Amino acid sequence: MKVSIIIPIYNAENHLNKCIASVAGQTFGNLEIILVNDGSTDGSADICRSFAEKDPRIMLIDQKNAGVSAARNAGLDICTGDLITFIDSDDYVSDDYVEYLLGLMDRYGSDIVCSGQNKDITVDDPVVIEGPEACLKEYLTTNVIYAAVWGKLYKKHIFEGIRFPAGKRFEDNYVLFQVLDKCNSVTIGQLMKYSYVSNAESFINETFSPKQLDIVDAMTAQREFILEKHPLLLSEANARLVYAVNRCLTKMADSKVKNADFISRAKPIYKAYSKDFLKGPSSSSAKNFCRIARISPKLAMSFYRAFKRER
């Protein structure tokens, strides 16, 4: 049983040594470590080469900068492992990360297994979700199956015919609903073996830009997929689409930007799907924003800014 580890890398020299060292030091040894240097302009390529020269399990791909989707796809296209996991270059993993996930997969037989997210949990009590529709419902309505491809181990067949969208941000959101649809079950371990490093310079923390709107396109694609294959989950998919619109409008408000085209696009989404969002588990402040945005997205943004100033 071989595990392919795919690490997309772009200008990550400040974190890369720790990331690659944590992977190379795994207690499970039958690894294929694919480093995809996506046109880095700092010292990342040199760090990758240094590790590759010392460890025959490491393969380095150098490509022109094309984004994280293209980097992950390059790894998927050449990987030869029976199982696949993704690690971001500014994160790191415990030395038994792969061994732990393999143990869950062997024990429960799931197509996808996940590392825990809470470092304070020390007793493992894995949660098993059976069937693609149940997995999708959990994904759409809770954070138990968290919205990231990292921190998970996948059987390779799950990614057959599925690739990340080139040039898009929030690329994980375009892919996860597709892979969950193909799985027999998902097991969520409770022990935290993957350490996500919050980066102030990461896209998720950036001020508003038009690329932030990709999350709405991802949730629209997800809704269309759910409508076709799992219509019983349509209200949950509608709610996720409204969540994405809320997110973009508040990002715009924070950055004091008004994108007229997107505001016009948001109006019919609120009109059609806000009821599904309002009956869901979102916070009262998010629901209040939605109620006002259904009347006027611009008014909701103004109230949001005024509320933040008062806090």
C-alpha atoms as a PDB file:
ATOM      1  CA  MET A   1       0.000   0.000   0.000  1.00  0.00           C
ATOM      2  CA  LYS A   2       1.585   3.248  -1.181  1.00  0.00           C
ATOM      3  CA  VAL A   3       0.436   6.741  -0.166  1.00  0.00           C
ATOM      4  CA  SER A   4       0.956   9.705  -2.475  1.00  0.00           C
ATOM      5  CA  ILE A   5       1.372  13.041  -0.701  1.00  0.00           C
ATOM      6  CA  ILE A   6       0.813  16.074  -2.926  1.00  0.00           C
ATOM      7  CA  ILE A   7       2.165  19.436  -1.749  1.00  0.00           C
ATOM      8  CA  PRO A   8       1.526  22.546  -3.913  1.00  0.00           C
ATOM      9  CA  ILE A   9       4.151  25.205  -3.252  1.00  0.00           C
ATOM     10  CA  TYR A  10       4.302  28.900  -4.041  1.00  0.00           C
ATOM     11  CA  ASN A  11       6.666  31.300  -2.220  1.00  0.00           C
ATOM     12  CA  ALA A  12       6.527  29.297   0.995  1.00  0.00           C
ATOM     13  CA  GLU A  13      10.161  29.463   2.103  1.00  0.00           C
ATOM     14  CA  ASN A  14       9.260  30.619   5.623  1.00  0.00           C
ATOM     15  CA  HIS A  15       7.282  27.449   6.362  1.00  0.00           C
ATOM     16  CA  LEU A  16       8.496  24.912   3.819  1.00  0.00           C
ATOM     17  CA  ASN A  17      11.316  23.266   5.770  1.00  0.00           C
ATOM     18  CA  LYS A  18       8.974  22.399   8.629  1.00  0.00           C
ATOM     19  CA  CYS A  19       6.282  21.178   6.247  1.00  0.00           C
ATOM     20  CA  ILE A  20       8.485  18.850   4.188  1.00  0.00           C
ATOM     21  CA  ALA A  21      10.423  17.604   7.225  1.00  0.00           C
ATOM     22  CA  SER A  22       7.143  16.613   8.902  1.00  0.00           C
ATOM     23  CA  VAL A  23       6.179  14.612   5.820  1.00  0.00           C
ATOM     24  CA  ALA A  24       9.573  12.986   5.275  1.00  0.00           C
ATOM     25  CA  GLY A  25       9.639  11.903   8.939  1.00  0.00           C
ATOM     26  CA  GLN A  26       6.420   9.871   8.826  1.00  0.00           C
ATOM     27  CA  THR A  27       6.315   6.618  10.763  1.00  0.00           C
ATOM     28  CA  PHE A  28       4.722   5.022   7.681  1.00  0.00           C
ATOM     29  CA  GLY A  29       7.468   4.775   5.107  1.00  0.00           C
ATOM     30  CA  ASN A  30       5.917   3.686   1.800  1.00  0.00           C
ATOM     31  CA  LEU A  31       5.344   7.192   0.545  1.00  0.00           C
ATOM     32  CA  GLU A  32       5.490   9.037  -2.739  1.00  0.00           C
ATOM     33  CA  ILE A  33       6.037  12.700  -1.877  1.00  0.00           C
ATOM     34  CA  ILE A  34       5.227  15.009  -4.789  1.00  0.00           C
ATOM     35  CA  LEU A  35       6.410  18.598  -4.394  1.00  0.00           C
ATOM     36  CA  VAL A  36       4.905  20.895  -7.025  1.00  0.00           C
ATOM     37  CA  ASN A  37       6.799  24.175  -7.194  1.00  0.00           C
ATOM     38  CA  ASP A  38       4.320  26.514  -8.837  1.00  0.00           C
ATOM     39  CA  GLY A  39       6.719  29.143 -10.157  1.00  0.00           C
ATOM     40  CA  SER A  40       8.004  30.340  -6.783  1.00  0.00           C
ATOM     41  CA  THR A  41      10.202  33.450  -6.886  1.00  0.00           C
ATOM     42  CA  ASP A  42      11.699  33.017  -3.398  1.00  0.00           C
ATOM     43  CA  GLY A  43      13.913  30.198  -2.092  1.00  0.00           C
ATOM     44  CA  SER A  44      11.202  27.517  -2.187  1.00  0.00           C
ATOM     45  CA  ALA A  45      12.642  25.691  -5.208  1.00  0.00           C
ATOM     46  CA  ASP A  46      16.061  25.405  -3.554  1.00  0.00           C
ATOM     47  CA  ILE A  47      14.498  23.997  -0.382  1.00  0.00           C
ATOM     48  CA  CYS A  48      12.583  21.434  -2.445  1.00  0.00           C
ATOM     49  CA  ARG A  49      15.701  20.373  -4.333  1.00  0.00           C
ATOM     50  CA  SER A  50      17.635  19.994  -1.104  1.00  0.00           C
ATOM     51  CA  PHE A  51      15.055  17.566   0.288  1.00  0.00           C
ATOM     52  CA  ALA A  52      14.683  15.707  -3.033  1.00  0.00           C
ATOM     53  CA  GLU A  53      18.431  15.094  -3.246  1.00  0.00           C
ATOM     54  CA  LYS A  54      18.395  13.375   0.151  1.00  0.00           C
ATOM     55  CA  ASP A  55      15.173  11.377  -0.092  1.00  0.00           C
ATOM     56  CA  PRO A  56      14.419   9.137  -3.107  1.00  0.00           C
ATOM     57  CA  ARG A  57      10.713   9.152  -2.222  1.00  0.00           C
ATOM     58  CA  ILE A  58      10.516  12.848  -3.078  1.00  0.00           C
ATOM     59  CA  MET A  59       9.659  13.939  -6.617  1.00  0.00           C
ATOM     60  CA  LEU A  60       9.931  17.610  -7.580  1.00  0.00           C
ATOM     61  CA  ILE A  61       7.817  19.167 -10.327  1.00  0.00           C
ATOM     62  CA  ASP A  62       8.785  22.682 -11.425  1.00  0.00           C
ATOM     63  CA  GLN A  63       6.114  24.520 -13.376  1.00  0.00           C
ATOM     64  CA  LYS A  64       5.267  28.068 -14.371  1.00  0.00           C
ATOM     65  CA  ASN A  65       2.976  29.783 -11.899  1.00  0.00           C
ATOM     66  CA  ALA A  66      -0.560  28.598 -12.624  1.00  0.00           C
ATOM     67  CA  GLY A  67      -2.191  28.485  -9.190  1.00  0.00           C
ATOM     68  CA  VAL A  68      -2.856  25.879  -6.530  1.00  0.00           C
ATOM     69  CA  SER A  69      -5.432  24.021  -8.649  1.00  0.00           C
ATOM     70  CA  ALA A  70      -2.946  23.442 -11.453  1.00  0.00           C
ATOM     71  CA  ALA A  71      -0.296  22.403  -8.919  1.00  0.00           C
ATOM     72  CA  ARG A  72      -2.555  19.822  -7.289  1.00  0.00           C
ATOM     73  CA  ASN A  73      -3.706  18.575 -10.685  1.00  0.00           C
ATOM     74  CA  ALA A  74      -0.090  18.095 -11.750  1.00  0.00           C
ATOM     75  CA  GLY A  75       0.407  15.890  -8.711  1.00  0.00           C
ATOM     76  CA  LEU A  76      -2.799  13.956  -9.341  1.00  0.00           C
ATOM     77  CA  ASP A  77      -1.819  13.337 -12.953  1.00  0.00           C
ATOM     78  CA  ILE A  78       1.422  11.555 -12.069  1.00  0.00           C
ATOM     79  CA  CYS A  79       0.820  10.017  -8.640  1.00  0.00           C
ATOM     80  CA  THR A  80       1.112   6.229  -8.409  1.00  0.00           C
ATOM     81  CA  GLY A  81      -0.057   5.624  -4.855  1.00  0.00           C
ATOM     82  CA  ASP A  82      -3.107   3.611  -3.878  1.00  0.00           C
ATOM     83  CA  LEU A  83      -4.121   6.460  -1.570  1.00  0.00           C
ATOM     84  CA  ILE A  84      -3.786  10.242  -1.817  1.00  0.00           C
ATOM     85  CA  THR A  85      -3.464  13.053   0.700  1.00  0.00           C
ATOM     86  CA  PHE A  86      -2.905  16.788   0.214  1.00  0.00           C
ATOM     87  CA  ILE A  87      -0.809  19.005   2.473  1.00  0.00           C
ATOM     88  CA  ASP A  88      -0.491  22.767   2.067  1.00  0.00           C
ATOM     89  CA  SER A  89       3.057  24.095   2.095  1.00  0.00           C
ATOM     90  CA  ASP A  90       2.618  26.380   5.122  1.00  0.00           C
ATOM     91  CA  ASP A  91       1.115  23.583   7.250  1.00  0.00           C
ATOM     92  CA  TYR A  92       2.696  20.543   8.899  1.00  0.00           C
ATOM     93  CA  VAL A  93       1.637  17.134  10.180  1.00  0.00           C
ATOM     94  CA  SER A  94       2.342  14.845  13.141  1.00  0.00           C
ATOM     95  CA  ASP A  95       4.883  12.108  12.498  1.00  0.00           C
ATOM     96  CA  ASP A  96       2.091   9.491  12.614  1.00  0.00           C
ATOM     97  CA  TYR A  97      -0.328  11.452  10.404  1.00  0.00           C
ATOM     98  CA  VAL A  98      -0.363   8.887   7.591  1.00  0.00           C
ATOM     99  CA  GLU A  99      -0.241   5.898   9.937  1.00  0.00           C
ATOM    100  CA  TYR A 100      -3.197   7.251  11.911  1.00  0.00           C
ATOM    101  CA  LEU A 101      -5.340   7.865   8.826  1.00  0.00           C
ATOM    102  CA  LEU A 102      -4.412   4.472   7.373  1.00  0.00           C
ATOM    103  CA  GLY A 103      -5.482   2.851  10.630  1.00  0.00           C
ATOM    104  CA  LEU A 104      -8.891   4.518  10.404  1.00  0.00           C
ATOM    105  CA  MET A 105      -9.274   3.424   6.810  1.00  0.00           C
ATOM    106  CA  ASP A 106      -8.325  -0.170   7.588  1.00  0.00           C
ATOM    107  CA  ARG A 107     -10.641  -0.283  10.594  1.00  0.00           C
ATOM    108  CA  TYR A 108     -13.746   1.270   9.045  1.00  0.00           C
ATOM    109  CA  GLY A 109     -13.251   0.667   5.312  1.00  0.00           C
ATOM    110  CA  SER A 110     -14.155   4.217   4.326  1.00  0.00           C
ATOM    111  CA  ASP A 111     -13.116   5.769   1.015  1.00  0.00           C
ATOM    112  CA  ILE A 112     -12.218   9.020   2.822  1.00  0.00           C
ATOM    113  CA  VAL A 113     -10.860   9.469   6.344  1.00  0.00           C
ATOM    114  CA  CYS A 114     -10.208  12.770   8.105  1.00  0.00           C
ATOM    115  CA  SER A 115      -7.881  14.006  10.821  1.00  0.00           C
ATOM    116  CA  GLY A 116      -9.451  15.705  13.842  1.00  0.00           C
ATOM    117  CA  GLN A 117      -9.535  19.482  14.210  1.00  0.00           C
ATOM    118  CA  ASN A 118      -9.399  20.022  17.985  1.00  0.00           C
ATOM    119  CA  LYS A 119      -5.964  19.750  19.570  1.00  0.00           C
ATOM    120  CA  ASP A 120      -7.486  19.447  23.046  1.00  0.00           C
ATOM    121  CA  ILE A 121      -9.141  16.091  22.288  1.00  0.00           C
ATOM    122  CA  THR A 122      -6.945  13.212  23.421  1.00  0.00           C
ATOM    123  CA  VAL A 123      -9.390  10.288  23.305  1.00  0.00           C
ATOM    124  CA  ASP A 124     -10.248   9.017  19.859  1.00  0.00           C
ATOM    125  CA  ASP A 125     -13.901   8.288  19.140  1.00  0.00           C
ATOM    126  CA  PRO A 126     -14.207   8.300  15.353  1.00  0.00           C
ATOM    127  CA  VAL A 127     -17.447   9.294  13.652  1.00  0.00           C
ATOM    128  CA  VAL A 128     -18.512   7.232  10.628  1.00  0.00           C
ATOM    129  CA  ILE A 129     -20.986   8.645   8.109  1.00  0.00           C
ATOM    130  CA  GLU A 130     -22.416   6.065   5.722  1.00  0.00           C
ATOM    131  CA  GLY A 131     -23.443   6.720   2.127  1.00  0.00           C
ATOM    132  CA  PRO A 132     -22.847   9.649  -0.218  1.00  0.00           C
ATOM    133  CA  GLU A 133     -26.105  11.468   0.513  1.00  0.00           C
ATOM    134  CA  ALA A 134     -25.562  11.346   4.284  1.00  0.00           C
ATOM    135  CA  CYS A 135     -21.968  12.524   3.786  1.00  0.00           C
ATOM    136  CA  LEU A 136     -23.109  15.387   1.579  1.00  0.00           C
ATOM    137  CA  LYS A 137     -25.771  16.424   4.082  1.00  0.00           C
ATOM    138  CA  GLU A 138     -23.188  16.472   6.893  1.00  0.00           C
ATOM    139  CA  TYR A 139     -20.847  18.507   4.709  1.00  0.00           C
ATOM    140  CA  LEU A 140     -23.550  21.004   3.748  1.00  0.00           C
ATOM    141  CA  THR A 141     -24.949  21.552   7.234  1.00  0.00           C
ATOM    142  CA  THR A 142     -22.078  21.149   9.721  1.00  0.00           C
ATOM    143  CA  ASN A 143     -18.309  21.495   9.959  1.00  0.00           C
ATOM    144  CA  VAL A 144     -17.801  17.827  10.860  1.00  0.00           C
ATOM    145  CA  ILE A 145     -16.553  17.194   7.314  1.00  0.00           C
ATOM    146  CA  TYR A 146     -14.572  20.403   7.026  1.00  0.00           C
ATOM    147  CA  ALA A 147     -14.403  22.295   3.741  1.00  0.00           C
ATOM    148  CA  ALA A 148     -10.779  21.620   2.798  1.00  0.00           C
ATOM    149  CA  VAL A 149      -9.120  18.823   0.861  1.00  0.00           C
ATOM    150  CA  TRP A 150      -6.108  18.784   3.188  1.00  0.00           C
ATOM    151  CA  GLY A 151      -6.155  16.721   6.369  1.00  0.00           C
ATOM    152  CA  LYS A 152      -7.879  13.830   4.601  1.00  0.00           C
ATOM    153  CA  LEU A 153      -6.794  10.524   3.088  1.00  0.00           C
ATOM    154  CA  TYR A 154      -8.571   9.384  -0.077  1.00  0.00           C
ATOM    155  CA  LYS A 155      -8.689   6.144  -2.003  1.00  0.00           C
ATOM    156  CA  LYS A 156      -7.294   7.009  -5.404  1.00  0.00           C
ATOM    157  CA  HIS A 157     -10.393   6.033  -7.370  1.00  0.00           C
ATOM    158  CA  ILE A 158     -12.286   8.898  -5.706  1.00  0.00           C
ATOM    159  CA  PHE A 159     -10.399  11.393  -7.918  1.00  0.00           C
ATOM    160  CA  GLU A 160     -10.936   9.551 -11.190  1.00  0.00           C
ATOM    161  CA  GLY A 161     -12.492  12.101 -13.542  1.00  0.00           C
ATOM    162  CA  ILE A 162     -12.246  14.889 -10.961  1.00  0.00           C
ATOM    163  CA  ARG A 163      -9.729  17.722 -11.068  1.00  0.00           C
ATOM    164  CA  PHE A 164      -9.427  21.127  -9.424  1.00  0.00           C
ATOM    165  CA  PRO A 165     -10.733  24.114 -11.455  1.00  0.00           C
ATOM    166  CA  ALA A 166      -7.919  26.009 -13.137  1.00  0.00           C
ATOM    167  CA  GLY A 167      -7.702  29.683 -12.269  1.00  0.00           C
ATOM    168  CA  LYS A 168     -10.353  29.552  -9.550  1.00  0.00           C
ATOM    169  CA  ARG A 169     -10.066  30.426  -5.871  1.00  0.00           C
ATOM    170  CA  PHE A 170     -11.940  28.386  -3.247  1.00  0.00           C
ATOM    171  CA  GLU A 171     -10.896  25.427  -5.362  1.00  0.00           C
ATOM    172  CA  ASP A 172     -11.676  22.935  -2.585  1.00  0.00           C
ATOM    173  CA  ASN A 173     -15.345  23.954  -2.686  1.00  0.00           C
ATOM    174  CA  TYR A 174     -15.552  22.984  -6.353  1.00  0.00           C
ATOM    175  CA  VAL A 175     -14.206  19.491  -5.638  1.00  0.00           C
ATOM    176  CA  LEU A 176     -15.395  18.227  -2.257  1.00  0.00           C
ATOM    177  CA  PHE A 177     -19.053  17.750  -3.144  1.00  0.00           C
ATOM    178  CA  GLN A 178     -17.954  15.691  -6.146  1.00  0.00           C
ATOM    179  CA  VAL A 179     -15.674  13.366  -4.196  1.00  0.00           C
ATOM    180  CA  LEU A 180     -18.208  12.938  -1.395  1.00  0.00           C
ATOM    181  CA  ASP A 181     -20.743  11.833  -3.985  1.00  0.00           C
ATOM    182  CA  LYS A 182     -18.391   8.991  -4.938  1.00  0.00           C
ATOM    183  CA  CYS A 183     -17.571   7.679  -1.458  1.00  0.00           C
ATOM    184  CA  ASN A 184     -19.104   4.756   0.390  1.00  0.00           C
ATOM    185  CA  SER A 185     -18.494   6.407   3.759  1.00  0.00           C
ATOM    186  CA  VAL A 186     -16.384   9.023   5.538  1.00  0.00           C
ATOM    187  CA  THR A 187     -14.658   8.436   8.862  1.00  0.00           C
ATOM    188  CA  ILE A 188     -13.716  11.472  10.962  1.00  0.00           C
ATOM    189  CA  GLY A 189     -11.031  10.800  13.509  1.00  0.00           C
ATOM    190  CA  GLN A 190     -10.963  12.937  16.622  1.00  0.00           C
ATOM    191  CA  LEU A 191      -7.200  13.193  17.084  1.00  0.00           C
ATOM    192  CA  MET A 192      -5.625  16.252  15.487  1.00  0.00           C
ATOM    193  CA  LYS A 193      -2.763  15.078  13.283  1.00  0.00           C
ATOM    194  CA  TYR A 194      -2.797  17.935  10.736  1.00  0.00           C
ATOM    195  CA  SER A 195      -1.764  21.412  11.867  1.00  0.00           C
ATOM    196  CA  TYR A 196      -3.232  24.249   9.832  1.00  0.00           C
ATOM    197  CA  VAL A 197      -1.139  27.410  10.056  1.00  0.00           C
ATOM    198  CA  SER A 198      -3.181  30.593   9.715  1.00  0.00           C
ATOM    199  CA  ASN A 199      -1.347  32.970   7.413  1.00  0.00           C
ATOM    200  CA  ALA A 200      -2.220  36.670   7.474  1.00  0.00           C
ATOM    201  CA  GLU A 201      -1.158  36.880   3.814  1.00  0.00           C
ATOM    202  CA  SER A 202      -3.350  34.000   2.651  1.00  0.00           C
ATOM    203  CA  PHE A 203      -6.212  34.565   0.218  1.00  0.00           C
ATOM    204  CA  ILE A 204      -8.852  33.857   2.839  1.00  0.00           C
ATOM    205  CA  ASN A 205      -7.580  36.865   4.832  1.00  0.00           C
ATOM    206  CA  GLU A 206      -7.235  39.250   1.882  1.00  0.00           C
ATOM    207  CA  THR A 207      -9.396  42.306   1.418  1.00  0.00           C
ATOM    208  CA  PHE A 208     -12.065  42.089  -1.248  1.00  0.00           C
ATOM    209  CA  SER A 209     -11.084  41.369  -4.821  1.00  0.00           C
ATOM    210  CA  PRO A 210     -13.208  40.030  -7.702  1.00  0.00           C
ATOM    211  CA  LYS A 211     -11.604  36.599  -7.184  1.00  0.00           C
ATOM    212  CA  GLN A 212     -13.420  36.415  -3.851  1.00  0.00           C
ATOM    213  CA  LEU A 213     -16.587  35.960  -5.892  1.00  0.00           C
ATOM    214  CA  ASP A 214     -15.397  32.513  -6.997  1.00  0.00           C
ATOM    215  CA  ILE A 215     -16.981  31.082  -3.866  1.00  0.00           C
ATOM    216  CA  VAL A 216     -20.402  32.008  -5.261  1.00  0.00           C
ATOM    217  CA  ASP A 217     -19.587  30.225  -8.519  1.00  0.00           C
ATOM    218  CA  ALA A 218     -18.480  27.179  -6.509  1.00  0.00           C
ATOM    219  CA  MET A 219     -21.694  27.145  -4.474  1.00  0.00           C
ATOM    220  CA  THR A 220     -23.727  27.618  -7.665  1.00  0.00           C
ATOM    221  CA  ALA A 221     -22.002  24.606  -9.241  1.00  0.00           C
ATOM    222  CA  GLN A 222     -22.601  22.655  -6.046  1.00  0.00           C
ATOM    223  CA  ARG A 223     -26.294  23.578  -6.049  1.00  0.00           C
ATOM    224  CA  GLU A 224     -26.709  22.465  -9.677  1.00  0.00           C
ATOM    225  CA  PHE A 225     -24.980  19.161  -8.882  1.00  0.00           C
ATOM    226  CA  ILE A 226     -27.201  18.587  -5.846  1.00  0.00           C
ATOM    227  CA  LEU A 227     -30.334  19.458  -7.834  1.00  0.00           C
ATOM    228  CA  GLU A 228     -29.444  16.816 -10.411  1.00  0.00           C
ATOM    229  CA  LYS A 229     -28.198  14.007  -8.155  1.00  0.00           C
ATOM    230  CA  HIS A 230     -29.509  14.596  -4.618  1.00  0.00           C
ATOM    231  CA  PRO A 231     -32.636  16.787  -4.834  1.00  0.00           C
ATOM    232  CA  LEU A 232     -33.608  15.971  -1.242  1.00  0.00           C
ATOM    233  CA  LEU A 233     -30.628  18.125  -0.201  1.00  0.00           C
ATOM    234  CA  LEU A 234     -31.570  21.094  -2.356  1.00  0.00           C
ATOM    235  CA  SER A 235     -32.629  23.357   0.518  1.00  0.00           C
ATOM    236  CA  GLU A 236     -29.248  22.782   2.191  1.00  0.00           C
ATOM    237  CA  ALA A 237     -27.437  23.608  -1.062  1.00  0.00           C
ATOM    238  CA  ASN A 238     -29.566  26.744  -1.453  1.00  0.00           C
ATOM    239  CA  ALA A 239     -28.560  27.835   2.040  1.00  0.00           C
ATOM    240  CA  ARG A 240     -24.871  27.368   1.230  1.00  0.00           C
ATOM    241  CA  LEU A 241     -25.265  29.557  -1.839  1.00  0.00           C
ATOM    242  CA  VAL A 242     -26.817  32.340   0.265  1.00  0.00           C
ATOM    243  CA  TYR A 243     -23.995  31.921   2.790  1.00  0.00           C
ATOM    244  CA  ALA A 244     -21.490  32.523  -0.023  1.00  0.00           C
ATOM    245  CA  VAL A 245     -23.296  35.671  -1.156  1.00  0.00           C
ATOM    246  CA  ASN A 246     -23.417  36.934   2.443  1.00  0.00           C
ATOM    247  CA  ARG A 247     -19.685  36.357   2.702  1.00  0.00           C
ATOM    248  CA  CYS A 248     -18.890  38.309  -0.456  1.00  0.00           C
ATOM    249  CA  LEU A 249     -21.103  41.254   0.457  1.00  0.00           C
ATOM    250  CA  THR A 250     -19.585  41.556   3.939  1.00  0.00           C
ATOM    251  CA  LYS A 251     -16.094  41.333   2.400  1.00  0.00           C
ATOM    252  CA  MET A 252     -17.081  44.152   0.069  1.00  0.00           C
ATOM    253  CA  ALA A 253     -18.431  46.166   2.981  1.00  0.00           C
ATOM    254  CA  ASP A 254     -15.224  45.649   4.971  1.00  0.00           C
ATOM    255  CA  SER A 255     -13.205  46.905   2.001  1.00  0.00           C
ATOM    256  CA  LYS A 256     -15.647  49.753   1.222  1.00  0.00           C
ATOM    257  CA  VAL A 257     -16.190  48.397  -2.282  1.00  0.00           C
ATOM    258  CA  LYS A 258     -19.449  48.236  -4.224  1.00  0.00           C
ATOM    259  CA  ASN A 259     -19.418  45.804  -7.126  1.00  0.00           C
ATOM    260  CA  ALA A 260     -22.609  46.757  -8.933  1.00  0.00           C
ATOM    261  CA  ASP A 261     -22.701  43.654 -11.129  1.00  0.00           C
ATOM    262  CA  PHE A 262     -22.430  41.327  -8.149  1.00  0.00           C
ATOM    263  CA  ILE A 263     -25.010  43.262  -6.143  1.00  0.00           C
ATOM    264  CA  SER A 264     -27.421  42.824  -9.056  1.00  0.00           C
ATOM    265  CA  ARG A 265     -26.577  39.135  -9.169  1.00  0.00           C
ATOM    266  CA  ALA A 266     -27.168  38.788  -5.427  1.00  0.00           C
ATOM    267  CA  LYS A 267     -30.740  40.120  -5.455  1.00  0.00           C
ATOM    268  CA  PRO A 268     -32.452  37.153  -7.180  1.00  0.00           C
ATOM    269  CA  ILE A 269     -30.417  34.692  -5.099  1.00  0.00           C
ATOM    270  CA  TYR A 270     -31.745  36.209  -1.886  1.00  0.00           C
ATOM    271  CA  LYS A 271     -35.262  36.317  -3.296  1.00  0.00           C
ATOM    272  CA  ALA A 272     -35.201  32.657  -4.326  1.00  0.00           C
ATOM    273  CA  TYR A 273     -33.242  30.991  -1.506  1.00  0.00           C
ATOM    274  CA  SER A 274     -33.185  33.164   1.622  1.00  0.00           C
ATOM    275  CA  LYS A 275     -35.965  31.098   3.265  1.00  0.00           C
ATOM    276  CA  ASP A 276     -33.735  28.027   3.167  1.00  0.00           C
ATOM    277  CA  PHE A 277     -30.867  29.977   4.709  1.00  0.00           C
ATOM    278  CA  LEU A 278     -33.034  31.434   7.466  1.00  0.00           C
ATOM    279  CA  LYS A 279     -34.238  28.022   8.633  1.00  0.00           C
ATOM    280  CA  GLY A 280     -30.662  26.713   8.828  1.00  0.00           C
ATOM    281  CA  PRO A 281     -28.060  26.768  11.627  1.00  0.00           C
ATOM    282  CA  SER A 282     -26.339  30.069  10.800  1.00  0.00           C
ATOM    283  CA  SER A 283     -25.811  32.770  13.419  1.00  0.00           C
ATOM    284  CA  SER A 284     -28.487  35.348  14.209  1.00  0.00           C
ATOM    285  CA  SER A 285     -26.283  38.133  12.817  1.00  0.00           C
ATOM    286  CA  ALA A 286     -25.871  36.266   9.500  1.00  0.00           C
ATOM    287  CA  LYS A 287     -29.619  35.711   9.327  1.00  0.00           C
ATOM    288  CA  ASN A 288     -30.326  39.368  10.070  1.00  0.00           C
ATOM    289  CA  PHE A 289     -27.924  40.374   7.306  1.00  0.00           C
ATOM    290  CA  CYS A 290     -29.799  38.033   4.965  1.00  0.00           C
ATOM    291  CA  ARG A 291     -33.192  39.500   5.936  1.00  0.00           C
ATOM    292  CA  ILE A 292     -32.013  43.016   5.125  1.00  0.00           C
ATOM    293  CA  ALA A 293     -30.161  41.932   1.967  1.00  0.00           C
ATOM    294  CA  ARG A 294     -33.344  40.371   0.654  1.00  0.00           C
ATOM    295  CA  ILE A 295     -34.797  43.885   0.655  1.00  0.00           C
ATOM    296  CA  SER A 296     -31.591  45.601  -0.462  1.00  0.00           C
ATOM    297  CA  PRO A 297     -28.016  44.241  -0.530  1.00  0.00           C
ATOM    298  CA  LYS A 298     -26.680  47.809  -0.401  1.00  0.00           C
ATOM    299  CA  LEU A 299     -28.729  48.524   2.723  1.00  0.00           C
ATOM    300  CA  ALA A 300     -27.464  45.328   4.359  1.00  0.00           C
ATOM    301  CA  MET A 301     -23.879  46.376   3.666  1.00  0.00           C
ATOM    302  CA  SER A 302     -24.537  49.812   5.195  1.00  0.00           C
ATOM    303  CA  PHE A 303     -26.066  48.294   8.344  1.00  0.00           C
ATOM    304  CA  TYR A 304     -23.170  45.855   8.576  1.00  0.00           C
ATOM    305  CA  ARG A 305     -20.577  48.669   8.460  1.00  0.00           C
ATOM    306  CA  ALA A 306     -22.520  50.728  11.004  1.00  0.00           C
ATOM    307  CA  PHE A 307     -22.777  47.751  13.364  1.00  0.00           C
ATOM    308  CA  LYS A 308     -19.036  47.094  13.134  1.00  0.00           C
ATOM    309  CA  ARG A 309     -18.240  50.711  13.936  1.00  0.00           C
ATOM    310  CA  GLU A 310     -20.361  50.550  17.074  1.00  0.00           C
ATOM    311  CA  ARG A 311     -18.682  47.405  18.412  1.00  0.00           C
END
